[in-house]
Amino acid sequence: MVAFPPVKINLGLNIIAKRADNFHDIESVFYTVGWTDVLEVIVTENQEFSLKITGLPISGDPAKNLIIKAYEILKKDYEIPELSFHLHKILPMGAGLGGGSSDGAYALKLINEVACLGISAEKLQKYALQLGSDCPFFLNEKPAFVQGKGEIIESISLDLSGWYIRIVMPPISISTAEAYSWITPTPPKKSIRDIISLPPADWRDLLKNDFEKHAIQHHPIIGEIKKEMYDSGATYSSMSGSGASVYGLFKQKPPFFQTKGMQIWEGKL
């Protein structure tokens, strides 16, 4: 069984408050984009669980991979056959696009299907939250207004069909912990829920990502990419999540611009 875990972009991101559990309360709108990894799972016979990774290399402890964690979480509560996963990694890491969270959420869905576990959507959401705050969103992928740590998900009516998107990932990586160290949480004057209801042409001066200003100070290339987006005709451009990727929304297919040493994806929403 094969699936294609996508990325999401953040349309605005406010860091509202520091929580007692050392996480942060946020608000944002998540919107999925058709840039994907490839994830395959098969049931194996007389063979232990395995995860093969091709494509982009993944740094860090392999045991902390969310695909492995998804299997371990479900294995505690269900009889699951031994499975073999193959992840072809295309999505960049440290990009603020949720690629790892998407892989983990899709692993839950694939295990549920291939092992015929019959786990309800509501219960699968609870398992996804054990993997990470962004993971539950990827089980549905509908545009959503997200609050709390990211676990409070409210579907919203937002349709960007027909818009073009360009995502550029510079050759840098920003860890989530590093990004939060730059931030002093502040309640917003206007909620992203209200701003997102306005036409995209009005978003440029209103829809902000609290991480972006500090990320540009530490990594000026992020600001340079954003400027290039607007110079190329973007209606709206922003860094996604905690960075370091930058996206632009265009009414028409954007012209080519030079992106040496950078990963780039573009398509129609």
C-alpha atoms as a PDB file:
ATOM      1  CA  MET A   1       0.000   0.000   0.000  1.00  0.00           C
ATOM      2  CA  VAL A   2       1.396   3.375  -1.045  1.00  0.00           C
ATOM      3  CA  ALA A   3       0.519   6.868   0.177  1.00  0.00           C
ATOM      4  CA  PHE A   4       1.808  10.366  -0.502  1.00  0.00           C
ATOM      5  CA  PRO A   5       2.161  12.460   2.687  1.00  0.00           C
ATOM      6  CA  PRO A   6       1.910  16.157   1.761  1.00  0.00           C
ATOM      7  CA  VAL A   7       3.247  19.354   3.303  1.00  0.00           C
ATOM      8  CA  LYS A   8       1.261  22.161   4.826  1.00  0.00           C
ATOM      9  CA  ILE A   9       1.900  25.884   4.770  1.00  0.00           C
ATOM     10  CA  ASN A  10       1.098  28.241   7.621  1.00  0.00           C
ATOM     11  CA  LEU A  11      -1.123  31.139   6.641  1.00  0.00           C
ATOM     12  CA  GLY A  12      -0.145  33.372   9.522  1.00  0.00           C
ATOM     13  CA  LEU A  13       1.321  32.159  12.812  1.00  0.00           C
ATOM     14  CA  ASN A  14       0.888  33.909  16.162  1.00  0.00           C
ATOM     15  CA  ILE A  15       2.732  32.777  19.291  1.00  0.00           C
ATOM     16  CA  ILE A  16       0.255  33.818  21.967  1.00  0.00           C
ATOM     17  CA  ALA A  17       1.493  32.528  25.329  1.00  0.00           C
ATOM     18  CA  LYS A  18       3.945  30.206  27.096  1.00  0.00           C
ATOM     19  CA  ARG A  19       2.166  27.276  28.722  1.00  0.00           C
ATOM     20  CA  ALA A  20       2.816  25.646  32.093  1.00  0.00           C
ATOM     21  CA  ASP A  21       3.925  22.484  30.232  1.00  0.00           C
ATOM     22  CA  ASN A  22       6.647  24.540  28.450  1.00  0.00           C
ATOM     23  CA  PHE A  23       4.822  24.380  25.128  1.00  0.00           C
ATOM     24  CA  HIS A  24       3.272  27.466  23.550  1.00  0.00           C
ATOM     25  CA  ASP A  25      -0.261  28.441  22.651  1.00  0.00           C
ATOM     26  CA  ILE A  26      -0.428  29.397  18.994  1.00  0.00           C
ATOM     27  CA  GLU A  27      -2.944  30.265  16.340  1.00  0.00           C
ATOM     28  CA  SER A  28      -2.492  29.630  12.646  1.00  0.00           C
ATOM     29  CA  VAL A  29      -4.231  28.415   9.530  1.00  0.00           C
ATOM     30  CA  PHE A  30      -2.883  25.183   8.035  1.00  0.00           C
ATOM     31  CA  TYR A  31      -3.335  24.520   4.318  1.00  0.00           C
ATOM     32  CA  THR A  32      -2.036  21.421   2.534  1.00  0.00           C
ATOM     33  CA  VAL A  33       0.027  21.616  -0.644  1.00  0.00           C
ATOM     34  CA  GLY A  34       0.690  18.854  -3.180  1.00  0.00           C
ATOM     35  CA  TRP A  35       4.430  18.505  -2.516  1.00  0.00           C
ATOM     36  CA  THR A  36       4.766  15.002  -1.058  1.00  0.00           C
ATOM     37  CA  ASP A  37       6.952  12.225   0.225  1.00  0.00           C
ATOM     38  CA  VAL A  38       6.241   8.641  -0.864  1.00  0.00           C
ATOM     39  CA  LEU A  39       5.439   6.109   1.854  1.00  0.00           C
ATOM     40  CA  GLU A  40       4.909   2.405   1.199  1.00  0.00           C
ATOM     41  CA  VAL A  41       4.045  -0.364   3.652  1.00  0.00           C
ATOM     42  CA  ILE A  42       3.783  -4.121   3.149  1.00  0.00           C
ATOM     43  CA  VAL A  43       3.037  -6.979   5.514  1.00  0.00           C
ATOM     44  CA  THR A  44       6.085  -9.179   5.906  1.00  0.00           C
ATOM     45  CA  GLU A  45       6.326 -12.846   6.857  1.00  0.00           C
ATOM     46  CA  ASN A  46       8.895 -14.140   9.327  1.00  0.00           C
ATOM     47  CA  GLN A  47      10.607 -10.771   9.351  1.00  0.00           C
ATOM     48  CA  GLU A  48      10.832  -8.023  11.960  1.00  0.00           C
ATOM     49  CA  PHE A  49       9.541  -4.482  11.500  1.00  0.00           C
ATOM     50  CA  SER A  50      11.768  -2.429   9.210  1.00  0.00           C
ATOM     51  CA  LEU A  51      11.984   1.087   7.822  1.00  0.00           C
ATOM     52  CA  LYS A  52      14.005   1.786   4.702  1.00  0.00           C
ATOM     53  CA  ILE A  53      14.682   5.423   3.803  1.00  0.00           C
ATOM     54  CA  THR A  54      15.784   6.646   0.389  1.00  0.00           C
ATOM     55  CA  GLY A  55      15.931  10.113  -1.131  1.00  0.00           C
ATOM     56  CA  LEU A  56      17.009  12.958   1.129  1.00  0.00           C
ATOM     57  CA  PRO A  57      19.032  11.837   4.166  1.00  0.00           C
ATOM     58  CA  ILE A  58      17.360  12.269   7.562  1.00  0.00           C
ATOM     59  CA  SER A  59      19.624  13.384  10.379  1.00  0.00           C
ATOM     60  CA  GLY A  60      19.163  12.555  14.054  1.00  0.00           C
ATOM     61  CA  ASP A  61      18.332   9.377  15.943  1.00  0.00           C
ATOM     62  CA  PRO A  62      16.545   6.915  13.587  1.00  0.00           C
ATOM     63  CA  ALA A  63      14.622   5.498  16.564  1.00  0.00           C
ATOM     64  CA  LYS A  64      12.860   8.861  16.929  1.00  0.00           C
ATOM     65  CA  ASN A  65      11.408   8.712  13.414  1.00  0.00           C
ATOM     66  CA  LEU A  66       7.652   9.262  13.669  1.00  0.00           C
ATOM     67  CA  ILE A  67       6.923   6.290  11.401  1.00  0.00           C
ATOM     68  CA  ILE A  68       8.592   4.008  13.927  1.00  0.00           C
ATOM     69  CA  LYS A  69       6.797   5.771  16.783  1.00  0.00           C
ATOM     70  CA  ALA A  70       3.444   5.355  15.018  1.00  0.00           C
ATOM     71  CA  TYR A  71       4.028   1.613  14.764  1.00  0.00           C
ATOM     72  CA  GLU A  72       5.122   1.374  18.408  1.00  0.00           C
ATOM     73  CA  ILE A  73       2.119   3.334  19.677  1.00  0.00           C
ATOM     74  CA  LEU A  74      -0.406   1.143  17.876  1.00  0.00           C
ATOM     75  CA  LYS A  75       1.502  -2.063  18.681  1.00  0.00           C
ATOM     76  CA  LYS A  76       0.856  -1.426  22.387  1.00  0.00           C
ATOM     77  CA  ASP A  77      -2.919  -1.634  21.908  1.00  0.00           C
ATOM     78  CA  TYR A  78      -3.430  -3.884  18.878  1.00  0.00           C
ATOM     79  CA  GLU A  79      -2.239  -7.121  17.348  1.00  0.00           C
ATOM     80  CA  ILE A  80      -0.302  -5.884  14.340  1.00  0.00           C
ATOM     81  CA  PRO A  81       1.612  -8.028  11.841  1.00  0.00           C
ATOM     82  CA  GLU A  82       5.238  -7.269  11.192  1.00  0.00           C
ATOM     83  CA  LEU A  83       5.440  -4.487   8.650  1.00  0.00           C
ATOM     84  CA  SER A  84       8.060  -3.168   6.276  1.00  0.00           C
ATOM     85  CA  PHE A  85       7.985   0.547   5.476  1.00  0.00           C
ATOM     86  CA  HIS A  86       9.791   2.324   2.672  1.00  0.00           C
ATOM     87  CA  LEU A  87       9.950   6.113   2.901  1.00  0.00           C
ATOM     88  CA  HIS A  88      11.246   7.980  -0.118  1.00  0.00           C
ATOM     89  CA  LYS A  89      12.079  11.352   1.394  1.00  0.00           C
ATOM     90  CA  ILE A  90      11.509  14.304  -0.911  1.00  0.00           C
ATOM     91  CA  LEU A  91      10.303  16.974   1.516  1.00  0.00           C
ATOM     92  CA  PRO A  92      13.042  19.083   3.113  1.00  0.00           C
ATOM     93  CA  MET A  93      13.680  18.949   6.871  1.00  0.00           C
ATOM     94  CA  GLY A  94      13.827  22.071   9.037  1.00  0.00           C
ATOM     95  CA  ALA A  95      11.520  23.785   6.583  1.00  0.00           C
ATOM     96  CA  GLY A  96       8.446  24.553   8.696  1.00  0.00           C
ATOM     97  CA  LEU A  97       6.291  22.492   6.323  1.00  0.00           C
ATOM     98  CA  GLY A  98       5.426  19.616   8.647  1.00  0.00           C
ATOM     99  CA  GLY A  99       6.898  16.897   6.457  1.00  0.00           C
ATOM    100  CA  GLY A 100       7.881  14.643   9.366  1.00  0.00           C
ATOM    101  CA  SER A 101       4.496  15.108  11.042  1.00  0.00           C
ATOM    102  CA  SER A 102       2.787  14.223   7.783  1.00  0.00           C
ATOM    103  CA  ASP A 103       4.847  11.020   7.465  1.00  0.00           C
ATOM    104  CA  GLY A 104       3.909  10.018  10.999  1.00  0.00           C
ATOM    105  CA  ALA A 105       0.193  10.686  10.515  1.00  0.00           C
ATOM    106  CA  TYR A 106       0.154   8.752   7.251  1.00  0.00           C
ATOM    107  CA  ALA A 107       1.944   5.839   8.909  1.00  0.00           C
ATOM    108  CA  LEU A 108      -0.942   5.651  11.398  1.00  0.00           C
ATOM    109  CA  LYS A 109      -3.467   5.642   8.563  1.00  0.00           C
ATOM    110  CA  LEU A 110      -1.594   2.999   6.581  1.00  0.00           C
ATOM    111  CA  ILE A 111      -1.183   0.694   9.583  1.00  0.00           C
ATOM    112  CA  ASN A 112      -4.885   1.064  10.374  1.00  0.00           C
ATOM    113  CA  GLU A 113      -5.766   0.056   6.822  1.00  0.00           C
ATOM    114  CA  VAL A 114      -3.232  -2.656   6.065  1.00  0.00           C
ATOM    115  CA  ALA A 115      -3.745  -4.365   9.439  1.00  0.00           C
ATOM    116  CA  CYS A 116      -7.555  -3.929   9.262  1.00  0.00           C
ATOM    117  CA  LEU A 117      -7.647  -2.456  12.773  1.00  0.00           C
ATOM    118  CA  GLY A 118     -10.835  -0.454  12.290  1.00  0.00           C
ATOM    119  CA  ILE A 119      -9.672   2.442  14.468  1.00  0.00           C
ATOM    120  CA  SER A 120     -12.178   5.310  14.367  1.00  0.00           C
ATOM    121  CA  ALA A 121     -11.187   8.725  13.057  1.00  0.00           C
ATOM    122  CA  GLU A 122     -11.634  10.221  16.520  1.00  0.00           C
ATOM    123  CA  LYS A 123      -9.374   7.650  18.172  1.00  0.00           C
ATOM    124  CA  LEU A 124      -6.781   7.944  15.410  1.00  0.00           C
ATOM    125  CA  GLN A 125      -6.635  11.678  16.163  1.00  0.00           C
ATOM    126  CA  LYS A 126      -5.691  10.868  19.770  1.00  0.00           C
ATOM    127  CA  TYR A 127      -2.915   8.560  18.620  1.00  0.00           C
ATOM    128  CA  ALA A 128      -1.668  11.232  16.206  1.00  0.00           C
ATOM    129  CA  LEU A 129      -1.455  13.771  19.028  1.00  0.00           C
ATOM    130  CA  GLN A 130       0.910  11.400  20.856  1.00  0.00           C
ATOM    131  CA  LEU A 131       3.252  11.702  17.866  1.00  0.00           C
ATOM    132  CA  GLY A 132       3.239  15.506  17.743  1.00  0.00           C
ATOM    133  CA  SER A 133       1.072  18.600  17.815  1.00  0.00           C
ATOM    134  CA  ASP A 134       0.931  18.969  14.014  1.00  0.00           C
ATOM    135  CA  CYS A 135       0.160  15.309  13.292  1.00  0.00           C
ATOM    136  CA  PRO A 136      -3.645  15.289  13.831  1.00  0.00           C
ATOM    137  CA  PHE A 137      -4.116  17.884  11.086  1.00  0.00           C
ATOM    138  CA  PHE A 138      -2.661  15.556   8.466  1.00  0.00           C
ATOM    139  CA  LEU A 139      -5.319  12.917   9.090  1.00  0.00           C
ATOM    140  CA  ASN A 140      -7.940  15.151   7.420  1.00  0.00           C
ATOM    141  CA  GLU A 141      -5.938  17.771   5.517  1.00  0.00           C
ATOM    142  CA  LYS A 142      -8.847  20.198   5.255  1.00  0.00           C
ATOM    143  CA  PRO A 143      -7.977  23.905   5.666  1.00  0.00           C
ATOM    144  CA  ALA A 144      -8.071  24.498   9.403  1.00  0.00           C
ATOM    145  CA  PHE A 145      -7.796  27.202  12.024  1.00  0.00           C
ATOM    146  CA  VAL A 146      -5.415  25.719  14.577  1.00  0.00           C
ATOM    147  CA  GLN A 147      -5.039  26.704  18.236  1.00  0.00           C
ATOM    148  CA  GLY A 148      -3.506  25.454  21.481  1.00  0.00           C
ATOM    149  CA  LYS A 149      -0.293  23.520  20.837  1.00  0.00           C
ATOM    150  CA  GLY A 150      -1.682  22.785  17.387  1.00  0.00           C
ATOM    151  CA  GLU A 151      -4.051  20.094  18.578  1.00  0.00           C
ATOM    152  CA  ILE A 152      -7.245  22.218  18.503  1.00  0.00           C
ATOM    153  CA  ILE A 153      -8.296  21.957  14.873  1.00  0.00           C
ATOM    154  CA  GLU A 154     -11.317  23.705  13.408  1.00  0.00           C
ATOM    155  CA  SER A 155     -12.121  23.199   9.730  1.00  0.00           C
ATOM    156  CA  ILE A 156     -12.694  26.478   7.924  1.00  0.00           C
ATOM    157  CA  SER A 157     -14.046  27.512   4.551  1.00  0.00           C
ATOM    158  CA  LEU A 158     -10.965  28.573   2.612  1.00  0.00           C
ATOM    159  CA  ASP A 159     -10.467  27.714  -1.035  1.00  0.00           C
ATOM    160  CA  LEU A 160      -7.298  28.737  -2.856  1.00  0.00           C
ATOM    161  CA  SER A 161      -8.034  26.530  -5.857  1.00  0.00           C
ATOM    162  CA  GLY A 162      -6.553  27.999  -9.005  1.00  0.00           C
ATOM    163  CA  TRP A 163      -3.785  29.892  -7.216  1.00  0.00           C
ATOM    164  CA  TYR A 164      -0.179  29.032  -7.994  1.00  0.00           C
ATOM    165  CA  ILE A 165       2.272  28.436  -5.183  1.00  0.00           C
ATOM    166  CA  ARG A 166       6.045  28.471  -5.195  1.00  0.00           C
ATOM    167  CA  ILE A 167       7.979  27.133  -2.197  1.00  0.00           C
ATOM    168  CA  VAL A 168      11.700  27.798  -1.851  1.00  0.00           C
ATOM    169  CA  MET A 169      13.870  26.098   0.743  1.00  0.00           C
ATOM    170  CA  PRO A 170      17.270  27.752   1.240  1.00  0.00           C
ATOM    171  CA  PRO A 171      20.306  25.669   2.246  1.00  0.00           C
ATOM    172  CA  ILE A 172      19.770  26.314   5.958  1.00  0.00           C
ATOM    173  CA  SER A 173      17.765  24.619   8.696  1.00  0.00           C
ATOM    174  CA  ILE A 174      16.056  26.191  11.696  1.00  0.00           C
ATOM    175  CA  SER A 175      15.168  23.975  14.637  1.00  0.00           C
ATOM    176  CA  THR A 176      11.829  24.574  16.321  1.00  0.00           C
ATOM    177  CA  ALA A 177      13.563  25.033  19.685  1.00  0.00           C
ATOM    178  CA  GLU A 178      15.859  27.680  18.209  1.00  0.00           C
ATOM    179  CA  ALA A 179      12.945  29.535  16.638  1.00  0.00           C
ATOM    180  CA  TYR A 180      10.968  29.638  19.892  1.00  0.00           C
ATOM    181  CA  SER A 181      14.013  30.961  21.763  1.00  0.00           C
ATOM    182  CA  TRP A 182      13.717  34.145  19.706  1.00  0.00           C
ATOM    183  CA  ILE A 183      10.077  34.801  20.603  1.00  0.00           C
ATOM    184  CA  THR A 184       8.333  36.791  23.323  1.00  0.00           C
ATOM    185  CA  PRO A 185       4.731  35.513  23.173  1.00  0.00           C
ATOM    186  CA  THR A 186       2.173  38.276  22.589  1.00  0.00           C
ATOM    187  CA  PRO A 187      -1.602  38.061  22.057  1.00  0.00           C
ATOM    188  CA  PRO A 188      -2.444  39.400  18.567  1.00  0.00           C
ATOM    189  CA  LYS A 189      -4.473  42.559  18.017  1.00  0.00           C
ATOM    190  CA  LYS A 190      -6.501  40.753  15.361  1.00  0.00           C
ATOM    191  CA  SER A 191      -7.068  37.026  15.071  1.00  0.00           C
ATOM    192  CA  ILE A 192      -5.809  35.137  12.041  1.00  0.00           C
ATOM    193  CA  ARG A 193      -9.327  33.682  11.770  1.00  0.00           C
ATOM    194  CA  ASP A 194     -10.597  37.191  10.911  1.00  0.00           C
ATOM    195  CA  ILE A 195      -7.709  38.130   8.630  1.00  0.00           C
ATOM    196  CA  ILE A 196      -7.949  34.953   6.572  1.00  0.00           C
ATOM    197  CA  SER A 197     -11.559  35.801   5.678  1.00  0.00           C
ATOM    198  CA  LEU A 198     -10.292  38.824   3.743  1.00  0.00           C
ATOM    199  CA  PRO A 199      -9.157  38.581   0.096  1.00  0.00           C
ATOM    200  CA  PRO A 200      -5.526  37.399  -0.276  1.00  0.00           C
ATOM    201  CA  ALA A 201      -4.654  40.807  -1.722  1.00  0.00           C
ATOM    202  CA  ASP A 202      -5.230  42.224   1.786  1.00  0.00           C
ATOM    203  CA  TRP A 203      -3.054  39.685   3.585  1.00  0.00           C
ATOM    204  CA  ARG A 204       0.336  41.256   2.881  1.00  0.00           C
ATOM    205  CA  ASP A 205       0.138  43.916   5.601  1.00  0.00           C
ATOM    206  CA  LEU A 206      -2.021  41.955   8.052  1.00  0.00           C
ATOM    207  CA  LEU A 207      -1.162  38.247   7.993  1.00  0.00           C
ATOM    208  CA  LYS A 208       2.091  37.772   9.890  1.00  0.00           C
ATOM    209  CA  ASN A 209       4.311  34.916  11.054  1.00  0.00           C
ATOM    210  CA  ASP A 210       5.812  35.781  14.452  1.00  0.00           C
ATOM    211  CA  PHE A 211       8.932  33.736  13.697  1.00  0.00           C
ATOM    212  CA  GLU A 212       9.716  35.484  10.431  1.00  0.00           C
ATOM    213  CA  LYS A 213      11.236  38.783  11.620  1.00  0.00           C
ATOM    214  CA  HIS A 214      13.738  37.027  13.870  1.00  0.00           C
ATOM    215  CA  ALA A 215      14.500  34.345  11.288  1.00  0.00           C
ATOM    216  CA  ILE A 216      15.389  37.045   8.748  1.00  0.00           C
ATOM    217  CA  GLN A 217      17.681  38.729  11.290  1.00  0.00           C
ATOM    218  CA  HIS A 218      19.574  35.471  11.775  1.00  0.00           C
ATOM    219  CA  HIS A 219      19.319  34.299   8.150  1.00  0.00           C
ATOM    220  CA  PRO A 220      18.971  37.276   5.740  1.00  0.00           C
ATOM    221  CA  ILE A 221      18.515  34.913   2.783  1.00  0.00           C
ATOM    222  CA  ILE A 222      14.943  34.312   3.987  1.00  0.00           C
ATOM    223  CA  GLY A 223      14.146  37.990   3.515  1.00  0.00           C
ATOM    224  CA  GLU A 224      15.854  37.971   0.121  1.00  0.00           C
ATOM    225  CA  ILE A 225      13.690  35.066  -1.059  1.00  0.00           C
ATOM    226  CA  LYS A 226      10.540  36.795   0.185  1.00  0.00           C
ATOM    227  CA  LYS A 227      11.477  39.983  -1.670  1.00  0.00           C
ATOM    228  CA  GLU A 228      12.075  37.948  -4.833  1.00  0.00           C
ATOM    229  CA  MET A 229       8.600  36.437  -4.462  1.00  0.00           C
ATOM    230  CA  TYR A 230       6.983  39.852  -4.400  1.00  0.00           C
ATOM    231  CA  ASP A 231       9.229  41.151  -7.200  1.00  0.00           C
ATOM    232  CA  SER A 232       8.024  38.164  -9.262  1.00  0.00           C
ATOM    233  CA  GLY A 233       4.382  39.093  -8.762  1.00  0.00           C
ATOM    234  CA  ALA A 234       3.312  37.238  -5.619  1.00  0.00           C
ATOM    235  CA  THR A 235       0.085  38.444  -4.071  1.00  0.00           C
ATOM    236  CA  TYR A 236       1.213  37.131  -0.699  1.00  0.00           C
ATOM    237  CA  SER A 237       4.461  35.659   0.596  1.00  0.00           C
ATOM    238  CA  SER A 238       5.563  34.354   3.981  1.00  0.00           C
ATOM    239  CA  MET A 239       7.914  32.041   5.755  1.00  0.00           C
ATOM    240  CA  SER A 240       6.118  28.834   6.741  1.00  0.00           C
ATOM    241  CA  GLY A 241       6.075  27.637  10.331  1.00  0.00           C
ATOM    242  CA  SER A 242       9.364  28.126  12.152  1.00  0.00           C
ATOM    243  CA  GLY A 243      11.175  28.205   8.802  1.00  0.00           C
ATOM    244  CA  ALA A 244      13.248  28.124   6.828  1.00  0.00           C
ATOM    245  CA  SER A 245      11.066  27.671   3.725  1.00  0.00           C
ATOM    246  CA  VAL A 246       9.349  30.640   2.089  1.00  0.00           C
ATOM    247  CA  TYR A 247       6.282  30.416  -0.131  1.00  0.00           C
ATOM    248  CA  GLY A 248       4.534  32.800  -2.473  1.00  0.00           C
ATOM    249  CA  LEU A 249       0.937  32.753  -3.730  1.00  0.00           C
ATOM    250  CA  PHE A 250       0.441  33.901  -7.313  1.00  0.00           C
ATOM    251  CA  LYS A 251      -2.662  34.484  -9.404  1.00  0.00           C
ATOM    252  CA  GLN A 252      -0.729  33.414 -12.517  1.00  0.00           C
ATOM    253  CA  LYS A 253       2.147  30.993 -13.055  1.00  0.00           C
ATOM    254  CA  PRO A 254       5.215  32.802 -11.670  1.00  0.00           C
ATOM    255  CA  PRO A 255       8.224  33.566 -13.850  1.00  0.00           C
ATOM    256  CA  PHE A 256      11.476  31.705 -13.299  1.00  0.00           C
ATOM    257  CA  PHE A 257      13.945  33.171 -10.860  1.00  0.00           C
ATOM    258  CA  GLN A 258      17.387  32.022  -9.863  1.00  0.00           C
ATOM    259  CA  THR A 259      17.524  29.706  -6.863  1.00  0.00           C
ATOM    260  CA  LYS A 260      21.051  28.318  -6.829  1.00  0.00           C
ATOM    261  CA  GLY A 261      21.613  25.755  -4.105  1.00  0.00           C
ATOM    262  CA  MET A 262      17.958  25.832  -3.063  1.00  0.00           C
ATOM    263  CA  GLN A 263      15.166  23.295  -3.200  1.00  0.00           C
ATOM    264  CA  ILE A 264      12.131  24.614  -5.064  1.00  0.00           C
ATOM    265  CA  TRP A 265       8.642  23.320  -5.737  1.00  0.00           C
ATOM    266  CA  GLU A 266       5.756  24.966  -7.493  1.00  0.00           C
ATOM    267  CA  GLY A 267       2.318  23.926  -8.570  1.00  0.00           C
ATOM    268  CA  LYS A 268      -1.343  24.833  -8.680  1.00  0.00           C
ATOM    269  CA  LEU A 269      -3.457  24.646  -5.547  1.00  0.00           C
END
